[in-house]
């Protein structure tokens, strides 16, 4: 998947689904949806989201908006 087409002004908006049993990213209704194996407890899902983008997609990101929300804005580093 080419996520570079979703980068706007150095940011990507994603919807996160924690505790999904698998880690993958899909396009749904023109938006990115990220399924994570980690639970949304003690920042585990947020850490896995950052690792997932780095390892699977080769893009370093940080969470800009939405630390405690499923809707997140990630800044591409």
PDB file of N, CA and C in Angstrom:
ATOM      1  N   UNK A   1       0.846  -1.183   0.000  1.00  0.00           N
ATOM      2  CA  UNK A   1       0.000   0.000   0.000  1.00  0.00           C
ATOM      3  C   UNK A   1       0.884   1.237   0.000  1.00  0.00           C
ATOM      4  N   UNK A   2       0.520   2.193  -0.821  1.00  0.00           N
ATOM      5  CA  UNK A   2       1.255   3.449  -0.896  1.00  0.00           C
ATOM      6  C   UNK A   2       0.575   4.475   0.009  1.00  0.00           C
ATOM      7  N   UNK A   3       1.115   4.635   1.208  1.00  0.00           N
ATOM      8  CA  UNK A   3       0.503   5.584   2.136  1.00  0.00           C
ATOM      9  C   UNK A   3       0.909   7.020   1.852  1.00  0.00           C
ATOM     10  N   UNK A   4       1.879   7.212   0.983  1.00  0.00           N
ATOM     11  CA  UNK A   4       2.343   8.567   0.687  1.00  0.00           C
ATOM     12  C   UNK A   4       1.236   9.421   0.066  1.00  0.00           C
ATOM     13  N   UNK A   5       0.266   8.797  -0.558  1.00  0.00           N
ATOM     14  CA  UNK A   5      -0.849   9.561  -1.123  1.00  0.00           C
ATOM     15  C   UNK A   5      -1.789  10.078  -0.033  1.00  0.00           C
ATOM     16  N   UNK A   6      -1.666   9.550   1.189  1.00  0.00           N
ATOM     17  CA  UNK A   6      -2.507   9.994   2.305  1.00  0.00           C
ATOM     18  C   UNK A   6      -1.845  11.073   3.150  1.00  0.00           C
ATOM     19  N   UNK A   7      -0.598  11.383   2.877  1.00  0.00           N
ATOM     20  CA  UNK A   7       0.114  12.399   3.646  1.00  0.00           C
ATOM     21  C   UNK A   7      -0.297  13.779   3.160  1.00  0.00           C
ATOM     22  N   UNK A   8      -0.812  14.584   4.063  1.00  0.00           N
ATOM     23  CA  UNK A   8      -1.231  15.951   3.774  1.00  0.00           C
ATOM     24  C   UNK A   8      -0.511  16.884   4.746  1.00  0.00           C
ATOM     25  N   UNK A   9       0.274  17.798   4.224  1.00  0.00           N
ATOM     26  CA  UNK A   9       1.019  18.765   5.047  1.00  0.00           C
ATOM     27  C   UNK A   9       1.853  18.065   6.124  1.00  0.00           C
ATOM     28  N   UNK A  10       2.446  16.942   5.782  1.00  0.00           N
ATOM     29  CA  UNK A  10       3.299  16.222   6.718  1.00  0.00           C
ATOM     30  C   UNK A  10       2.561  15.416   7.761  1.00  0.00           C
ATOM     31  N   UNK A  11       1.246  15.218   7.586  1.00  0.00           N
ATOM     32  CA  UNK A  11       0.444  14.484   8.558  1.00  0.00           C
ATOM     33  C   UNK A  11      -0.425  13.432   7.877  1.00  0.00           C
ATOM     34  N   UNK A  12      -0.746  12.393   8.638  1.00  0.00           N
ATOM     35  CA  UNK A  12      -1.652  11.333   8.184  1.00  0.00           C
ATOM     36  C   UNK A  12      -2.736  11.170   9.229  1.00  0.00           C
ATOM     37  N   UNK A  13      -3.988  11.091   8.811  1.00  0.00           N
ATOM     38  CA  UNK A  13      -5.098  10.826   9.719  1.00  0.00           C
ATOM     39  C   UNK A  13      -5.464   9.356   9.610  1.00  0.00           C
ATOM     40  N   UNK A  14      -5.560   8.681  10.764  1.00  0.00           N
ATOM     41  CA  UNK A  14      -5.889   7.257  10.786  1.00  0.00           C
ATOM     42  C   UNK A  14      -6.952   6.975  11.837  1.00  0.00           C
ATOM     43  N   UNK A  15      -7.634   5.884  11.640  1.00  0.00           N
ATOM     44  CA  UNK A  15      -8.576   5.345  12.634  1.00  0.00           C
ATOM     45  C   UNK A  15      -7.943   4.064  13.153  1.00  0.00           C
ATOM     46  N   UNK A  16      -7.798   3.939  14.464  1.00  0.00           N
ATOM     47  CA  UNK A  16      -7.120   2.804  15.073  1.00  0.00           C
ATOM     48  C   UNK A  16      -8.140   1.873  15.722  1.00  0.00           C
ATOM     49  N   UNK A  17      -7.954   0.563  15.487  1.00  0.00           N
ATOM     50  CA  UNK A  17      -8.783  -0.463  16.112  1.00  0.00           C
ATOM     51  C   UNK A  17      -7.847  -1.330  16.957  1.00  0.00           C
ATOM     52  N   UNK A  18      -7.799  -1.086  18.279  1.00  0.00           N
ATOM     53  CA  UNK A  18      -6.909  -1.875  19.138  1.00  0.00           C
ATOM     54  C   UNK A  18      -7.503  -3.248  19.436  1.00  0.00           C
ATOM     55  N   UNK A  19      -6.635  -4.149  19.907  1.00  0.00           N
ATOM     56  CA  UNK A  19      -7.035  -5.494  20.324  1.00  0.00           C
ATOM     57  C   UNK A  19      -7.726  -6.253  19.195  1.00  0.00           C
ATOM     58  N   UNK A  20      -7.185  -6.122  17.993  1.00  0.00           N
ATOM     59  CA  UNK A  20      -7.817  -6.690  16.806  1.00  0.00           C
ATOM     60  C   UNK A  20      -7.379  -8.119  16.510  1.00  0.00           C
ATOM     61  N   UNK A  21      -6.340  -8.611  17.166  1.00  0.00           N
ATOM     62  CA  UNK A  21      -5.870  -9.955  16.891  1.00  0.00           C
ATOM     63  C   UNK A  21      -4.879 -10.019  15.745  1.00  0.00           C
ATOM     64  N   UNK A  22      -4.705  -8.931  15.038  1.00  0.00           N
ATOM     65  CA  UNK A  22      -3.745  -8.851  13.943  1.00  0.00           C
ATOM     66  C   UNK A  22      -3.319  -7.393  13.799  1.00  0.00           C
ATOM     67  N   UNK A  23      -2.200  -7.179  13.166  1.00  0.00           N
ATOM     68  CA  UNK A  23      -1.755  -5.810  12.895  1.00  0.00           C
ATOM     69  C   UNK A  23      -1.694  -5.631  11.390  1.00  0.00           C
ATOM     70  N   UNK A  24      -2.539  -4.759  10.891  1.00  0.00           N
ATOM     71  CA  UNK A  24      -2.555  -4.466   9.456  1.00  0.00           C
ATOM     72  C   UNK A  24      -3.191  -3.115   9.216  1.00  0.00           C
ATOM     73  N   UNK A  25      -2.968  -2.602   8.021  1.00  0.00           N
ATOM     74  CA  UNK A  25      -3.540  -1.318   7.635  1.00  0.00           C
ATOM     75  C   UNK A  25      -4.342  -1.526   6.362  1.00  0.00           C
ATOM     76  N   UNK A  26      -5.530  -0.943   6.337  1.00  0.00           N
ATOM     77  CA  UNK A  26      -6.384  -1.051   5.155  1.00  0.00           C
ATOM     78  C   UNK A  26      -6.939   0.321   4.810  1.00  0.00           C
ATOM     79  N   UNK A  27      -7.411   0.432   3.590  1.00  0.00           N
ATOM     80  CA  UNK A  27      -8.105   1.644   3.170  1.00  0.00           C
ATOM     81  C   UNK A  27      -9.592   1.351   3.242  1.00  0.00           C
ATOM     82  N   UNK A  28     -10.330   2.217   3.906  1.00  0.00           N
ATOM     83  CA  UNK A  28     -11.768   2.038   4.049  1.00  0.00           C
ATOM     84  C   UNK A  28     -12.447   3.383   3.870  1.00  0.00           C
ATOM     85  N   UNK A  29     -13.276   3.494   2.866  1.00  0.00           N
ATOM     86  CA  UNK A  29     -14.012   4.728   2.567  1.00  0.00           C
ATOM     87  C   UNK A  29     -13.079   5.921   2.393  1.00  0.00           C
ATOM     88  N   UNK A  30     -11.950   5.686   1.731  1.00  0.00           N
ATOM     89  CA  UNK A  30     -11.015   6.768   1.453  1.00  0.00           C
ATOM     90  C   UNK A  30     -10.150   7.182   2.623  1.00  0.00           C
ATOM     91  N   UNK A  31     -10.172   6.397   3.707  1.00  0.00           N
ATOM     92  CA  UNK A  31      -9.371   6.704   4.895  1.00  0.00           C
ATOM     93  C   UNK A  31      -8.551   5.490   5.278  1.00  0.00           C
ATOM     94  N   UNK A  32      -7.516   5.694   6.057  1.00  0.00           N
ATOM     95  CA  UNK A  32      -6.696   4.598   6.528  1.00  0.00           C
ATOM     96  C   UNK A  32      -7.230   4.094   7.861  1.00  0.00           C
ATOM     97  N   UNK A  33      -7.334   2.785   7.977  1.00  0.00           N
ATOM     98  CA  UNK A  33      -7.766   2.148   9.206  1.00  0.00           C
ATOM     99  C   UNK A  33      -6.675   1.165   9.607  1.00  0.00           C
ATOM    100  N   UNK A  34      -6.196   1.290  10.841  1.00  0.00           N
ATOM    101  CA  UNK A  34      -5.086   0.473  11.319  1.00  0.00           C
ATOM    102  C   UNK A  34      -5.594  -0.460  12.418  1.00  0.00           C
ATOM    103  N   UNK A  35      -5.491  -1.754  12.150  1.00  0.00           N
ATOM    104  CA  UNK A  35      -5.835  -2.772  13.142  1.00  0.00           C
ATOM    105  C   UNK A  35      -4.565  -3.122  13.897  1.00  0.00           C
ATOM    106  N   UNK A  36      -4.635  -3.100  15.226  1.00  0.00           N
ATOM    107  CA  UNK A  36      -3.461  -3.385  16.051  1.00  0.00           C
ATOM    108  C   UNK A  36      -3.740  -4.542  16.993  1.00  0.00           C
ATOM    109  N   UNK A  37      -2.739  -5.359  17.199  1.00  0.00           N
ATOM    110  CA  UNK A  37      -2.852  -6.501  18.089  1.00  0.00           C
ATOM    111  C   UNK A  37      -2.843  -6.071  19.556  1.00  0.00           C
ATOM    112  N   UNK A  38      -2.252  -4.943  19.858  1.00  0.00           N
ATOM    113  CA  UNK A  38      -2.102  -4.467  21.235  1.00  0.00           C
ATOM    114  C   UNK A  38      -3.418  -3.899  21.778  1.00  0.00           C
ATOM    115  N   UNK A  39      -3.546  -3.995  23.097  1.00  0.00           N
ATOM    116  CA  UNK A  39      -4.720  -3.436  23.769  1.00  0.00           C
ATOM    117  C   UNK A  39      -4.518  -1.945  24.008  1.00  0.00           C
ATOM    118  N   UNK A  40      -5.603  -1.240  24.193  1.00  0.00           N
ATOM    119  CA  UNK A  40      -5.548   0.204  24.433  1.00  0.00           C
ATOM    120  C   UNK A  40      -5.407   0.468  25.930  1.00  0.00           C
ATOM    121  N   UNK A  41      -4.325  -0.018  26.503  1.00  0.00           N
ATOM    122  CA  UNK A  41      -4.086   0.129  27.929  1.00  0.00           C
ATOM    123  C   UNK A  41      -2.637   0.549  28.126  1.00  0.00           C
ATOM    124  N   UNK A  42      -2.422   1.582  28.915  1.00  0.00           N
ATOM    125  CA  UNK A  42      -1.082   2.064  29.239  1.00  0.00           C
ATOM    126  C   UNK A  42      -0.246   2.378  27.994  1.00  0.00           C
ATOM    127  N   UNK A  43      -0.896   2.939  26.996  1.00  0.00           N
ATOM    128  CA  UNK A  43      -0.224   3.400  25.771  1.00  0.00           C
ATOM    129  C   UNK A  43       0.335   2.275  24.900  1.00  0.00           C
ATOM    130  N   UNK A  44      -0.050   1.035  25.156  1.00  0.00           N
ATOM    131  CA  UNK A  44       0.479  -0.092  24.375  1.00  0.00           C
ATOM    132  C   UNK A  44       0.085   0.016  22.907  1.00  0.00           C
ATOM    133  N   UNK A  45      -1.154   0.362  22.631  1.00  0.00           N
ATOM    134  CA  UNK A  45      -1.604   0.478  21.241  1.00  0.00           C
ATOM    135  C   UNK A  45      -0.894   1.636  20.539  1.00  0.00           C
ATOM    136  N   UNK A  46      -0.680   2.739  21.231  1.00  0.00           N
ATOM    137  CA  UNK A  46       0.025   3.871  20.628  1.00  0.00           C
ATOM    138  C   UNK A  46       1.458   3.496  20.275  1.00  0.00           C
ATOM    139  N   UNK A  47       2.139   2.787  21.168  1.00  0.00           N
ATOM    140  CA  UNK A  47       3.516   2.360  20.892  1.00  0.00           C
ATOM    141  C   UNK A  47       3.554   1.390  19.717  1.00  0.00           C
ATOM    142  N   UNK A  48       2.596   0.469  19.675  1.00  0.00           N
ATOM    143  CA  UNK A  48       2.567  -0.474  18.557  1.00  0.00           C
ATOM    144  C   UNK A  48       2.266   0.232  17.237  1.00  0.00           C
ATOM    145  N   UNK A  49       1.413   1.247  17.273  1.00  0.00           N
ATOM    146  CA  UNK A  49       1.109   2.010  16.063  1.00  0.00           C
ATOM    147  C   UNK A  49       2.373   2.649  15.494  1.00  0.00           C
ATOM    148  N   UNK A  50       3.184   3.253  16.341  1.00  0.00           N
ATOM    149  CA  UNK A  50       4.424   3.890  15.898  1.00  0.00           C
ATOM    150  C   UNK A  50       5.390   2.848  15.340  1.00  0.00           C
ATOM    151  N   UNK A  51       5.523   1.716  16.031  1.00  0.00           N
ATOM    152  CA  UNK A  51       6.406   0.639  15.561  1.00  0.00           C
ATOM    153  C   UNK A  51       5.911   0.059  14.238  1.00  0.00           C
ATOM    154  N   UNK A  52       4.598  -0.075  14.109  1.00  0.00           N
ATOM    155  CA  UNK A  52       4.012  -0.643  12.894  1.00  0.00           C
ATOM    156  C   UNK A  52       4.344   0.220  11.681  1.00  0.00           C
ATOM    157  N   UNK A  53       4.163   1.521  11.798  1.00  0.00           N
ATOM    158  CA  UNK A  53       4.468   2.421  10.676  1.00  0.00           C
ATOM    159  C   UNK A  53       5.946   2.357  10.327  1.00  0.00           C
ATOM    160  N   UNK A  54       6.822   2.286  11.317  1.00  0.00           N
ATOM    161  CA  UNK A  54       8.259   2.247  11.065  1.00  0.00           C
ATOM    162  C   UNK A  54       8.676   0.927  10.407  1.00  0.00           C
ATOM    163  N   UNK A  55       8.214  -0.179  10.953  1.00  0.00           N
ATOM    164  CA  UNK A  55       8.655  -1.492  10.482  1.00  0.00           C
ATOM    165  C   UNK A  55       7.995  -1.900   9.171  1.00  0.00           C
ATOM    166  N   UNK A  56       6.689  -1.813   9.087  1.00  0.00           N
ATOM    167  CA  UNK A  56       5.951  -2.318   7.934  1.00  0.00           C
ATOM    168  C   UNK A  56       5.933  -1.352   6.754  1.00  0.00           C
ATOM    169  N   UNK A  57       5.895  -0.057   7.044  1.00  0.00           N
ATOM    170  CA  UNK A  57       5.737   0.925   5.977  1.00  0.00           C
ATOM    171  C   UNK A  57       6.975   1.785   5.761  1.00  0.00           C
ATOM    172  N   UNK A  58       7.954   1.685   6.648  1.00  0.00           N
ATOM    173  CA  UNK A  58       9.189   2.441   6.493  1.00  0.00           C
ATOM    174  C   UNK A  58       9.030   3.928   6.694  1.00  0.00           C
ATOM    175  N   UNK A  59       8.045   4.322   7.488  1.00  0.00           N
ATOM    176  CA  UNK A  59       7.782   5.742   7.736  1.00  0.00           C
ATOM    177  C   UNK A  59       7.820   5.983   9.243  1.00  0.00           C
ATOM    178  N   UNK A  60       8.667   6.900   9.688  1.00  0.00           N
ATOM    179  CA  UNK A  60       8.723   7.266  11.100  1.00  0.00           C
ATOM    180  C   UNK A  60       7.632   8.295  11.383  1.00  0.00           C
ATOM    181  N   UNK A  61       6.831   8.039  12.423  1.00  0.00           N
ATOM    182  CA  UNK A  61       5.734   8.940  12.774  1.00  0.00           C
ATOM    183  C   UNK A  61       5.725   9.190  14.276  1.00  0.00           C
ATOM    184  N   UNK A  62       5.041  10.244  14.651  1.00  0.00           N
ATOM    185  CA  UNK A  62       4.728  10.501  16.054  1.00  0.00           C
ATOM    186  C   UNK A  62       3.270  10.926  16.123  1.00  0.00           C
ATOM    187  N   UNK A  63       2.638  10.662  17.252  1.00  0.00           N
ATOM    188  CA  UNK A  63       1.226  11.006  17.403  1.00  0.00           C
ATOM    189  C   UNK A  63       1.128  12.480  17.740  1.00  0.00           C
ATOM    190  N   UNK A  64       0.479  13.206  16.870  1.00  0.00           N
ATOM    191  CA  UNK A  64       0.331  14.661  17.007  1.00  0.00           C
ATOM    192  C   UNK A  64      -0.961  14.984  17.763  1.00  0.00           C
ATOM    193  N   UNK A  65      -2.054  14.314  17.386  1.00  0.00           N
ATOM    194  CA  UNK A  65      -3.368  14.535  18.001  1.00  0.00           C
ATOM    195  C   UNK A  65      -4.022  13.184  18.219  1.00  0.00           C
ATOM    196  N   UNK A  66      -4.652  12.997  19.374  1.00  0.00           N
ATOM    197  CA  UNK A  66      -5.446  11.800  19.605  1.00  0.00           C
ATOM    198  C   UNK A  66      -4.782  10.723  20.434  1.00  0.00           C
ATOM    199  N   UNK A  67      -3.965  11.097  21.399  1.00  0.00           N
ATOM    200  CA  UNK A  67      -3.307  10.089  22.232  1.00  0.00           C
ATOM    201  C   UNK A  67      -4.304   9.149  22.904  1.00  0.00           C
ATOM    202  N   UNK A  68      -5.460   9.647  23.268  1.00  0.00           N
ATOM    203  CA  UNK A  68      -6.453   8.827  23.965  1.00  0.00           C
ATOM    204  C   UNK A  68      -7.693   8.581  23.120  1.00  0.00           C
ATOM    205  N   UNK A  69      -7.570   8.726  21.832  1.00  0.00           N
ATOM    206  CA  UNK A  69      -8.693   8.575  20.924  1.00  0.00           C
ATOM    207  C   UNK A  69      -8.355   7.547  19.854  1.00  0.00           C
ATOM    208  N   UNK A  70      -9.385   6.994  19.215  1.00  0.00           N
ATOM    209  CA  UNK A  70      -9.158   6.076  18.102  1.00  0.00           C
ATOM    210  C   UNK A  70      -8.861   6.845  16.813  1.00  0.00           C
ATOM    211  N   UNK A  71      -9.308   8.073  16.725  1.00  0.00           N
ATOM    212  CA  UNK A  71      -8.991   8.951  15.595  1.00  0.00           C
ATOM    213  C   UNK A  71      -7.689   9.655  15.925  1.00  0.00           C
ATOM    214  N   UNK A  72      -6.668   9.452  15.111  1.00  0.00           N
ATOM    215  CA  UNK A  72      -5.362  10.034  15.401  1.00  0.00           C
ATOM    216  C   UNK A  72      -4.824  10.777  14.182  1.00  0.00           C
ATOM    217  N   UNK A  73      -4.051  11.805  14.461  1.00  0.00           N
ATOM    218  CA  UNK A  73      -3.309  12.516  13.431  1.00  0.00           C
ATOM    219  C   UNK A  73      -1.839  12.238  13.738  1.00  0.00           C
ATOM    220  N   UNK A  74      -1.164  11.649  12.756  1.00  0.00           N
ATOM    221  CA  UNK A  74       0.241  11.304  12.908  1.00  0.00           C
ATOM    222  C   UNK A  74       1.094  12.265  12.100  1.00  0.00           C
ATOM    223  N   UNK A  75       2.164  12.744  12.709  1.00  0.00           N
ATOM    224  CA  UNK A  75       3.105  13.607  11.993  1.00  0.00           C
ATOM    225  C   UNK A  75       4.211  12.729  11.443  1.00  0.00           C
ATOM    226  N   UNK A  76       4.460  12.863  10.159  1.00  0.00           N
ATOM    227  CA  UNK A  76       5.511  12.092   9.499  1.00  0.00           C
ATOM    228  C   UNK A  76       6.838  12.785   9.744  1.00  0.00           C
ATOM    229  N   UNK A  77       7.796  12.025  10.251  1.00  0.00           N
ATOM    230  CA  UNK A  77       9.112  12.600  10.575  1.00  0.00           C
ATOM    231  C   UNK A  77      10.076  12.442   9.437  1.00  0.00           C
TER     232      UNK A  77
END
